[in-house]
Protein backbone atom coordinates (compact mmCIF):
# COMPACT_ATOMS: atom_id res chain seq x y z
CA UNK A 1 31.32 -2.92 1.65
CA UNK A 2 30.67 -0.20 4.19
CA UNK A 3 33.15 2.15 5.78
CA UNK A 4 33.82 -0.04 8.84
CA UNK A 5 34.55 -3.07 6.64
CA UNK A 6 36.77 -1.08 4.27
CA UNK A 7 38.73 0.42 7.18
CA UNK A 8 39.17 -2.97 8.87
CA UNK A 9 40.06 -4.72 5.58
CA UNK A 10 42.70 -2.14 4.60
CA UNK A 11 44.23 -2.00 8.11
CA UNK A 12 44.29 -5.77 8.48
CA UNK A 13 45.68 -6.30 4.98
CA UNK A 14 48.49 -3.83 5.58
CA UNK A 15 49.31 -5.45 8.89
CA UNK A 16 49.28 -8.92 7.28
CA UNK A 17 51.68 -7.74 4.55
CA UNK A 18 53.95 -6.12 7.15
CA UNK A 19 53.92 -9.22 9.39
CA UNK A 20 54.57 -11.49 6.39
CA UNK A 21 57.53 -9.25 5.36
CA UNK A 22 58.96 -9.37 8.90
CA UNK A 23 58.62 -13.14 9.31
CA UNK A 24 60.07 -13.79 5.85
CA UNK A 25 63.01 -11.48 6.58
CA UNK A 26 63.69 -13.18 9.92
CA UNK A 27 63.61 -16.59 8.23
CA UNK A 28 65.90 -15.57 5.40
CA UNK A 29 68.38 -13.83 7.75
CA UNK A 30 68.49 -16.89 10.02
CA UNK A 31 68.95 -19.18 7.00
CA UNK A 32 71.82 -17.01 5.76
CA UNK A 33 73.33 -16.92 9.25
CA UNK A 34 73.09 -20.68 9.54
CA UNK A 35 74.80 -21.16 6.21
CA UNK A 36 77.63 -18.76 7.14
CA UNK A 37 78.08 -20.46 10.52
CA UNK A 38 78.15 -23.95 8.98
CA UNK A 39 80.52 -22.73 6.24
CA UNK A 40 82.90 -21.27 8.86
CA UNK A 41 82.78 -24.62 10.75
CA UNK A 42 83.63 -26.52 7.57
CA UNK A 43 86.42 -24.06 6.71
CA UNK A 44 87.91 -24.56 10.16
CA UNK A 45 87.70 -28.33 9.63
CA UNK A 46 89.38 -28.04 6.25
CA UNK A 47 92.20 -25.84 7.59
CA UNK A 48 92.85 -28.16 10.54
CA UNK A 49 92.96 -31.27 8.38
CA UNK A 50 95.28 -29.65 5.83
CA UNK A 51 97.69 -28.39 8.46
CA UNK A 52 97.90 -31.75 10.22
CA UNK A 53 98.24 -33.80 7.06
CA UNK A 54 100.49 -31.55 5.00
CA UNK A 55 102.58 -29.59 7.54
CA UNK A 56 102.97 -32.13 10.35
CA UNK A 57 105.33 -34.85 9.08
CA UNK A 58 104.60 -37.29 11.93
CA UNK A 59 100.98 -37.68 10.77
CA UNK A 60 100.30 -39.90 7.80
CA UNK A 61 97.04 -40.62 5.99
CA UNK A 62 95.97 -43.51 8.22
CA UNK A 63 96.55 -41.51 11.40
CA UNK A 64 94.64 -38.55 9.91
CA UNK A 65 91.67 -40.80 9.19
CA UNK A 66 91.69 -41.96 12.81
CA UNK A 67 91.82 -38.32 13.99
CA UNK A 68 88.97 -37.27 11.66
CA UNK A 69 86.77 -40.20 12.65
CA UNK A 70 87.22 -39.51 16.39
CA UNK A 71 87.05 -35.73 16.34
CA UNK A 72 84.65 -34.25 18.88
CA UNK A 73 83.62 -31.68 16.29
CA UNK A 74 82.85 -34.26 13.65
CA UNK A 75 80.08 -33.17 11.28
CA UNK A 76 77.22 -35.43 10.17
CA UNK A 77 78.27 -37.50 7.10
CA UNK A 78 81.48 -35.53 7.01
CA UNK A 79 84.06 -36.28 4.30
CA UNK A 80 87.32 -34.40 3.73
CA UNK A 81 89.21 -34.69 0.47
CA UNK A 82 92.59 -33.24 -0.49
CA UNK A 83 93.86 -32.94 -4.05
CA UNK A 84 97.38 -32.04 -5.09
CA UNK A 85 98.18 -29.42 -7.70
CA UNK A 86 97.88 -32.07 -10.43
CA UNK A 87 94.22 -32.67 -9.43
CA UNK A 88 95.10 -36.05 -7.94
CA UNK A 89 93.14 -37.21 -4.88
CA UNK A 90 95.74 -37.72 -2.12
CA UNK A 91 93.41 -37.98 0.89
CA UNK A 92 89.81 -39.10 1.47
CA UNK A 93 88.60 -39.31 5.07
CA UNK A 94 85.57 -41.48 4.32
CA UNK A 95 85.65 -43.85 1.35
CA UNK A 96 81.92 -44.53 1.53
CA UNK A 97 80.89 -40.85 1.32
CA UNK A 98 82.88 -39.58 -1.62
CA UNK A 99 81.82 -36.37 -3.26
CA UNK A 100 83.47 -36.32 -6.68
CA UNK A 101 84.82 -32.96 -7.65
CA UNK A 102 85.40 -32.23 -11.33
CA UNK A 103 88.34 -30.40 -12.85
CA UNK A 104 86.05 -27.40 -13.32
CA UNK A 105 85.21 -27.42 -9.60
CA UNK A 106 88.91 -27.49 -8.68
CA UNK A 107 89.68 -24.69 -11.14
CA UNK A 108 86.93 -22.60 -9.54
CA UNK A 109 88.49 -23.25 -6.07
CA UNK A 110 91.90 -22.12 -7.40
CA UNK A 111 90.42 -18.98 -8.91
CA UNK A 112 88.18 -17.92 -6.01
CA UNK A 113 90.36 -19.40 -3.21
CA UNK A 114 87.18 -20.36 -1.31
CA UNK A 115 84.01 -21.84 -2.76
CA UNK A 116 80.81 -22.91 -0.97
CA UNK A 117 77.98 -24.68 -2.75
CA UNK A 118 75.01 -26.86 -1.96
CA UNK A 119 74.19 -30.12 -3.69
CA UNK A 120 71.03 -32.17 -3.43
CA UNK A 121 72.28 -33.78 -0.23
CA UNK A 122 75.47 -32.10 0.98
CA UNK A 123 76.99 -28.72 1.67
CA UNK A 124 80.44 -28.55 0.08
CA UNK A 125 83.29 -26.17 0.96
CA UNK A 126 86.43 -25.96 -1.14
CA UNK A 127 89.69 -24.22 -0.08
CA UNK A 128 92.85 -23.45 -2.00
CA UNK A 129 95.74 -24.33 0.31
CA UNK A 130 99.43 -23.44 -0.27
CA UNK A 131 102.39 -24.90 1.66
CA UNK A 132 106.09 -25.03 0.80
CA UNK A 133 105.47 -23.73 -2.71
CA UNK A 134 102.99 -26.51 -3.33
CA UNK A 135 99.29 -26.06 -4.01
CA UNK A 136 96.50 -28.23 -2.65
CA UNK A 137 92.70 -28.34 -2.97
CA UNK A 138 90.84 -29.13 0.20
CA UNK A 139 87.13 -30.03 -0.03
CA UNK A 140 84.93 -30.73 2.99
CA UNK A 141 81.38 -32.08 2.50
CA UNK A 142 78.76 -32.66 5.23
CA UNK A 143 75.04 -32.62 5.87
CA UNK A 144 73.77 -29.93 8.20
CA UNK A 145 70.92 -31.87 9.75
CA UNK A 146 71.01 -30.15 13.13
CA UNK A 147 70.75 -26.60 11.76
CA UNK A 148 68.27 -27.71 9.09
CA UNK A 149 66.01 -29.02 11.84
CA UNK A 150 66.31 -25.72 13.64
CA UNK A 151 65.57 -23.88 10.40
CA UNK A 152 62.46 -26.01 9.82
CA UNK A 153 61.37 -25.42 13.39
CA UNK A 154 61.83 -21.68 12.91
CA UNK A 155 59.83 -21.84 9.65
CA UNK A 156 56.86 -23.51 11.28
CA UNK A 157 57.12 -21.23 14.32
CA UNK A 158 57.10 -18.07 12.19
CA UNK A 159 54.27 -19.39 10.00
CA UNK A 160 52.18 -20.20 13.07
CA UNK A 161 52.92 -16.77 14.53
CA UNK A 162 51.91 -15.16 11.25
CA UNK A 163 48.57 -17.07 11.12
CA UNK A 164 47.74 -16.35 14.78
CA UNK A 165 48.86 -12.74 14.64
CA UNK A 166 46.93 -12.08 11.43
CA UNK A 167 43.78 -13.70 12.79
CA UNK A 168 43.97 -11.71 16.04
CA UNK A 169 44.53 -8.42 14.19
CA UNK A 170 41.67 -9.11 11.75
CA UNK A 171 39.30 -9.89 14.61
CA UNK A 172 40.43 -6.91 16.67
CA UNK A 173 40.31 -4.49 13.72
CA UNK A 174 36.73 -5.43 12.82
CA UNK A 175 35.67 -5.33 16.48
CA UNK A 176 37.40 -1.99 17.26
CA UNK A 177 36.28 -0.33 14.02
CA UNK A 178 32.71 -1.38 14.75
CA UNK A 179 32.95 0.08 18.26
CA UNK A 180 34.78 3.23 17.16
CA UNK A 181 32.30 3.95 14.33
CA UNK A 182 29.20 3.02 16.30
CA UNK A 183 28.29 6.73 16.71
CA UNK A 184 28.06 6.95 12.94
CA UNK A 185 25.55 4.08 12.91
CA UNK A 186 23.56 5.89 15.55
CA UNK A 187 23.70 9.06 13.46
CA UNK A 188 22.46 7.16 10.39
CA UNK A 189 19.49 5.76 12.30
CA UNK A 190 18.71 9.13 13.77
CA UNK A 191 18.95 10.88 10.39
CA UNK A 192 16.57 8.33 8.85
CA UNK A 193 13.92 9.55 11.31
CA UNK A 194 14.07 13.07 9.87
CA UNK A 195 11.23 13.94 7.51
CA UNK A 196 9.79 17.15 6.11
CA UNK A 197 7.19 16.98 8.86
CA UNK A 198 9.75 16.36 11.61
CA UNK A 199 12.73 18.66 11.26
CA UNK A 200 13.32 19.02 15.02
CA UNK A 201 15.41 15.86 15.36
CA UNK A 202 19.03 16.54 16.30
CA UNK A 203 22.07 14.31 16.71
CA UNK A 204 23.40 13.76 20.21
CA UNK A 205 26.66 15.55 20.97
CA UNK A 206 29.23 14.19 23.40
CA UNK A 207 31.58 16.20 25.59
CA UNK A 208 34.71 14.78 23.93
CA UNK A 209 36.36 16.78 21.17
CA UNK A 210 36.79 14.52 18.15
CA UNK A 211 35.83 14.41 14.49
CA UNK A 212 32.53 12.54 15.08
CA UNK A 213 31.37 15.05 17.67
CA UNK A 214 32.37 17.91 15.34
CA UNK A 215 30.38 16.23 12.57
CA UNK A 216 27.30 15.97 14.85
CA UNK A 217 27.64 19.61 15.84
CA UNK A 218 27.91 20.77 12.20
CA UNK A 219 24.95 18.61 11.20
CA UNK A 220 22.83 20.04 13.96
CA UNK A 221 23.73 23.58 12.89
CA UNK A 222 22.76 22.72 9.32
CA UNK A 223 19.44 21.28 10.48
CA UNK A 224 18.74 24.48 12.40
CA UNK A 225 19.26 26.52 9.27
CA UNK A 226 17.11 24.13 7.19
CA UNK A 227 14.34 24.17 9.81
CA UNK A 228 14.32 27.97 9.95
CA UNK A 229 14.29 28.30 6.15
CA UNK A 230 11.53 25.67 5.84
CA UNK A 231 9.40 27.40 8.45
CA UNK A 232 9.79 30.75 6.73
CA UNK A 233 8.92 29.29 3.37
CA UNK A 234 5.87 27.39 4.82
CA UNK A 235 4.73 30.52 6.61
CA UNK A 236 4.99 32.57 3.46
CA UNK A 237 3.13 29.95 1.37
CA UNK A 238 0.38 29.62 3.97
CA UNK A 239 -0.09 33.35 4.42
CA UNK A 240 -0.02 34.12 0.68
CA UNK A 241 -2.42 31.31 -0.10
CA UNK A 242 -4.87 32.39 2.62
CA UNK A 243 -4.74 35.98 1.44
CA UNK A 244 -5.34 34.95 -2.17
CA UNK A 245 -8.10 32.49 -1.56
CA UNK A 246 -10.70 35.03 -0.39
CA UNK A 247 -10.54 37.46 -3.34
CA UNK A 248 -10.37 34.59 -5.84
CA UNK A 249 -13.46 33.01 -4.31
CA UNK A 250 -15.24 36.37 -4.43
CA UNK A 251 -14.34 36.80 -8.11
CA UNK A 252 -15.58 33.29 -8.88
CA UNK A 253 -18.88 33.97 -7.12
CA UNK A 254 -19.42 37.23 -8.96
CA UNK A 255 -18.68 35.62 -12.33
CA UNK A 256 -21.05 32.74 -11.52
CA UNK A 257 -23.82 35.28 -10.71
CA UNK A 258 -23.21 37.08 -13.98
CA UNK A 259 -23.39 33.89 -16.00
CA UNK A 260 -26.81 33.09 -14.57
CA UNK A 261 -28.35 36.41 -15.76
CA UNK A 262 -30.90 35.69 -18.50
CA UNK A 263 -30.28 38.92 -20.38
CA UNK A 264 -26.59 38.22 -20.95
CA UNK A 265 -25.23 38.09 -24.51
CA UNK A 266 -24.16 34.56 -25.59
CA UNK A 267 -20.65 35.65 -26.56
CA UNK A 268 -20.15 37.37 -23.22
CA UNK A 269 -21.59 34.32 -21.46
CA UNK A 270 -19.11 32.06 -23.22
CA UNK A 271 -16.20 34.35 -22.30
CA UNK A 272 -17.34 34.56 -18.71
CA UNK A 273 -17.70 30.77 -18.58
CA UNK A 274 -14.10 30.42 -19.76
CA UNK A 275 -12.96 32.96 -17.17
CA UNK A 276 -14.97 31.10 -14.51
CA UNK A 277 -13.22 27.79 -15.43
CA UNK A 278 -9.82 29.48 -15.14
CA UNK A 279 -10.80 31.09 -11.85
CA UNK A 280 -11.98 27.70 -10.59
CA UNK A 281 -8.62 26.18 -11.55
CA UNK A 282 -6.79 29.08 -9.81
CA UNK A 283 -8.90 28.50 -6.73
CA UNK A 284 -7.95 24.80 -6.78
CA UNK A 285 -4.27 25.64 -7.00
CA UNK A 286 -4.54 28.05 -4.08
CA UNK A 287 -6.46 25.51 -2.04
CA UNK A 288 -3.77 22.93 -2.84
CA UNK A 289 -1.06 25.34 -1.63
CA UNK A 290 -2.96 25.93 1.58
CA UNK A 291 -3.25 22.16 2.05
CA UNK A 292 0.49 21.70 1.45
CA UNK A 293 1.23 24.47 3.93
CA UNK A 294 -0.90 22.74 6.60
CA UNK A 295 -0.12 19.10 5.85
CA UNK A 296 3.33 19.17 7.49
CA UNK A 297 2.02 20.55 10.73
CA UNK A 298 2.39 17.89 13.44
CA UNK A 299 -0.87 18.94 15.14
CA UNK A 300 -2.81 18.73 11.87
CA UNK A 301 -3.61 15.05 12.41
CA UNK A 302 -5.72 16.01 15.36
CA UNK A 303 -8.26 17.30 12.84
CA UNK A 304 -8.85 13.79 11.37
CA UNK A 305 -12.50 12.81 11.62
CA UNK A 306 -14.78 10.05 10.41
CA UNK A 307 -15.58 10.48 6.72
CA UNK A 308 -17.96 8.51 4.51
CA UNK A 309 -16.36 8.00 1.16
CA UNK A 310 -19.65 7.95 -0.76
CA UNK A 311 -20.83 11.23 0.72
CA UNK A 312 -17.42 12.82 0.01
CA UNK A 313 -17.70 11.70 -3.61
CA UNK A 314 -21.20 13.17 -4.03
CA UNK A 315 -20.18 16.52 -2.46
CA UNK A 316 -17.16 16.73 -4.80
CA UNK A 317 -19.30 15.89 -7.88
CA UNK A 318 -21.78 18.60 -6.88
CA UNK A 319 -19.03 21.25 -6.76
CA UNK A 320 -17.49 20.03 -10.01
CA UNK A 321 -20.85 20.06 -11.84
CA UNK A 322 -21.11 23.81 -11.30
CA UNK A 323 -18.04 24.27 -13.54
CA UNK A 324 -18.66 21.36 -15.90
CA UNK A 325 -22.42 20.95 -16.35
CA UNK A 326 -22.01 17.97 -18.68
CA UNK A 327 -20.08 16.01 -16.07
CA UNK A 328 -21.57 12.50 -15.71
CA UNK A 329 -20.93 9.97 -12.95
CA UNK A 330 -21.61 6.23 -12.77
CA UNK A 331 -21.28 5.23 -9.11
CA UNK A 332 -21.31 1.78 -7.44
CA UNK A 333 -20.50 0.32 -4.03
CA UNK A 334 -19.33 -3.30 -3.77
CA UNK A 335 -19.41 -4.65 -0.23
CA UNK A 336 -17.29 -7.77 0.40
CA UNK A 337 -17.15 -7.49 4.19
CA UNK A 338 -20.15 -9.70 4.98
CA UNK A 339 -21.91 -6.91 6.91
CA UNK A 340 -23.73 -3.69 6.19
CA UNK A 341 -20.90 -1.44 7.36
CA UNK A 342 -20.63 1.97 5.72
CA UNK A 343 -17.41 2.89 3.84
CA UNK A 344 -15.99 5.11 6.60
CA UNK A 345 -12.38 6.21 6.88
CA UNK A 346 -10.44 8.53 9.15
CA UNK A 347 -9.01 11.64 7.55
CA UNK A 348 -9.18 15.30 6.74
CA UNK A 349 -12.28 16.09 4.67
CA UNK A 350 -10.87 19.26 3.10
CA UNK A 351 -7.64 17.53 1.94
CA UNK A 352 -9.44 14.45 0.64
CA UNK A 353 -11.90 16.66 -1.24
CA UNK A 354 -8.93 18.31 -2.99
CA UNK A 355 -7.75 14.82 -3.97
CA UNK A 356 -11.10 13.89 -5.46
CA UNK A 357 -11.48 17.25 -7.22
CA UNK A 358 -8.12 16.78 -8.93
CA UNK A 359 -8.83 13.19 -9.93
CA UNK A 360 -12.41 13.79 -11.08
CA UNK A 361 -11.48 16.86 -13.07
CA UNK A 362 -8.59 15.00 -14.79
CA UNK A 363 -10.89 12.07 -15.54
CA UNK A 364 -13.44 14.50 -17.03
CA UNK A 365 -11.17 16.59 -19.23
CA UNK A 366 -9.17 13.60 -20.49
CA UNK A 367 -12.24 11.47 -21.27
CA UNK A 368 -13.88 11.07 -24.68
CA UNK A 369 -17.45 11.06 -23.34
CA UNK A 370 -17.26 13.08 -20.07
CA UNK A 371 -18.39 10.00 -18.19
CA UNK A 372 -16.66 8.94 -15.00
CA UNK A 373 -17.09 5.48 -13.43
CA UNK A 374 -16.48 5.36 -9.73
CA UNK A 375 -16.48 2.13 -7.69
CA UNK A 376 -16.05 1.74 -3.95
CA UNK A 377 -15.04 -1.83 -3.12
CA UNK A 378 -15.19 -2.61 0.58
CA UNK A 379 -13.06 -5.38 2.05
CA UNK A 380 -12.43 -6.56 5.62
CA UNK A 381 -9.78 -3.95 6.46
CA UNK A 382 -9.67 -1.53 3.55
CA UNK A 383 -11.78 0.34 1.04
CA UNK A 384 -10.69 0.55 -2.57
CA UNK A 385 -11.68 3.49 -4.72
CA UNK A 386 -11.44 2.87 -8.49
CA UNK A 387 -11.88 5.83 -10.80
CA UNK A 388 -12.16 4.87 -14.43
CA UNK A 389 -12.68 6.81 -17.68
CA UNK A 390 -12.28 6.18 -21.41
CA UNK A 391 -10.08 8.24 -23.60
CA UNK A 392 -6.53 8.56 -24.88
CA UNK A 393 -4.01 6.82 -22.63
CA UNK A 394 -0.45 8.04 -21.92
CA UNK A 395 2.63 6.08 -22.88
CA UNK A 396 3.51 3.14 -20.67
CA UNK A 397 6.79 4.79 -19.60
CA UNK A 398 4.84 7.86 -18.37
CA UNK A 399 2.74 5.94 -15.85
CA UNK A 400 5.54 5.71 -13.26
CA UNK A 401 6.00 9.51 -13.17
CA UNK A 402 2.47 10.87 -13.51
CA UNK A 403 2.38 11.67 -9.78
CA UNK A 404 5.58 13.72 -10.00
CA UNK A 405 5.31 17.48 -9.57
CA UNK A 406 5.16 19.49 -12.82
CA UNK A 407 5.17 16.32 -14.91
CA UNK A 408 2.43 15.88 -17.53
CA UNK A 409 1.70 12.78 -19.56
CA UNK A 410 2.05 12.33 -23.31
CA UNK A 411 -1.77 12.43 -23.80
CA UNK A 412 -2.24 16.07 -22.70
CA UNK A 413 -2.78 17.44 -26.19
CA UNK A 414 -3.87 21.10 -25.94
CA UNK A 415 -5.30 20.73 -22.45
CA UNK A 416 -4.03 23.41 -20.04
CA UNK A 417 -2.76 22.50 -16.61
CA UNK A 418 -0.16 23.24 -13.95
CA UNK A 419 1.26 19.74 -13.51
CA UNK A 420 1.04 19.82 -9.70
CA UNK A 421 -2.43 18.28 -9.20
CA UNK A 422 -1.43 14.65 -9.19
CA UNK A 423 1.65 15.29 -7.06
CA UNK A 424 -0.66 16.95 -4.44
CA UNK A 425 -2.93 13.91 -4.73
CA UNK A 426 -0.07 11.57 -3.93
CA UNK A 427 1.21 13.72 -1.11
CA UNK A 428 -2.18 13.97 0.59
CA UNK A 429 -2.92 10.23 0.21
CA UNK A 430 0.55 9.35 1.67
CA UNK A 431 -0.35 11.64 4.55
CA UNK A 432 -3.47 9.52 5.06
CA UNK A 433 -1.44 6.28 4.81
CA UNK A 434 -3.31 5.42 1.58
CA UNK A 435 -1.83 3.93 -1.61
CA UNK A 436 -2.46 5.26 -5.10
CA UNK A 437 -1.52 3.86 -8.51
CA UNK A 438 -2.36 4.51 -12.14
CA UNK A 439 -3.19 1.67 -14.50
CA UNK A 440 -4.00 1.28 -18.16
CA UNK A 441 -6.56 -1.49 -18.04
CA UNK A 442 -7.50 -1.43 -21.74
CA UNK A 443 -6.36 0.11 -25.02
CA UNK A 444 -8.57 3.17 -24.38
CA UNK A 445 -9.26 2.98 -20.63
CA UNK A 446 -7.54 4.73 -17.71
CA UNK A 447 -7.95 3.82 -14.06
CA UNK A 448 -6.73 5.29 -10.77
CA UNK A 449 -6.69 2.87 -7.87
CA UNK A 450 -6.72 4.13 -4.26
CA UNK A 451 -6.61 1.96 -1.14
CA UNK A 452 -7.77 3.39 2.19
CA UNK A 453 -7.76 1.69 5.58
CA UNK A 454 -11.33 1.24 6.79
CA UNK A 455 -12.36 2.66 10.14
CA UNK A 456 -12.72 -0.35 12.46
CA UNK A 457 -15.65 -0.56 14.84
CA UNK A 458 -14.57 -0.33 18.49
């Protein structure tokens, strides 16, 4: 559940609870008011009947029945009963609608003076009446159909108002929250466009002064600081790498010339060879840093040219053989395109050569026979490069992180390395829109699989 949905759900739920509380309170207050009003009407009826029957001597029981039956304020299914102080029924206005009161009921009327209760069908009001030192119990029962109908009508009216009000608020809250938080959605989409090669993107700022605009302004200020720091770091890396590359290359060339001297002592030759290998590795690291410094430049893609994969492989092997004379390559091309097209791709030759140098060198030093099998498999729209060697394989759980910077597999043994070669490989291949994966195809066989998009004939 996202922020808009949570905000709408909480607001709508609180409103629903509040509206339910209000409607329930209105209903209960009206029900209580109806009961008090009907009770007062019954009390008035009981007082009137008692006064006429007990205090007015000219009115007897028969005449009182006639008065009760023809009263303009007669209640529905009304029945008035009067008991004397000995609990004897002395008057009953309707013989067919008798509500029998027990001695306990009459005692309760005497104690409380006025008692109102509801039965399954009737409302009953009991009064304790005193006249001329005599005590009487007056009970009036009736059915409040008119007010019950009004109460039912109010119940359905309030329930309908609650349903309609809740539905409207839920719809409006989701609609308004979506509209109000639309700038955040726009920010999210805009932020997703920001990459390490495109740090110039900024969020749009409105003229209004609100929290969302303040957030956009703060984010843009943060991006300015990040962009400045990134440019300074990239500039330093590029300058340092360029400055280091020339002297390291000069040292490597001088060592290579010394190694080729025929009068050189074997021990010194071995030491120089070791130094030359380390220098070559240092040169590779510097070249990789230069590549990383250039790879994020937006204009760098302008340097992409047509490259034949097979020629790039041969050039890489020639450079690698200078350092590792026993390096062996088994190379094949498998063409499944149905034509004689060459395996050409579009890319940066320097960067791709760094990729192959890292992969070939790893395949060489981690192999058990210094033999590398390389297969180019051409398809209709892509070229697959499969690099295979035999030797100790890493653990299965290591294969997913081999292309992470400074991570080295479990099969490294005593082999030296920086742990950044494969991460640079992945970075450069992603830059070329190529896919790379590592597979263990046999108990003692490693394979790196790269997929390039073939250059289409225009």
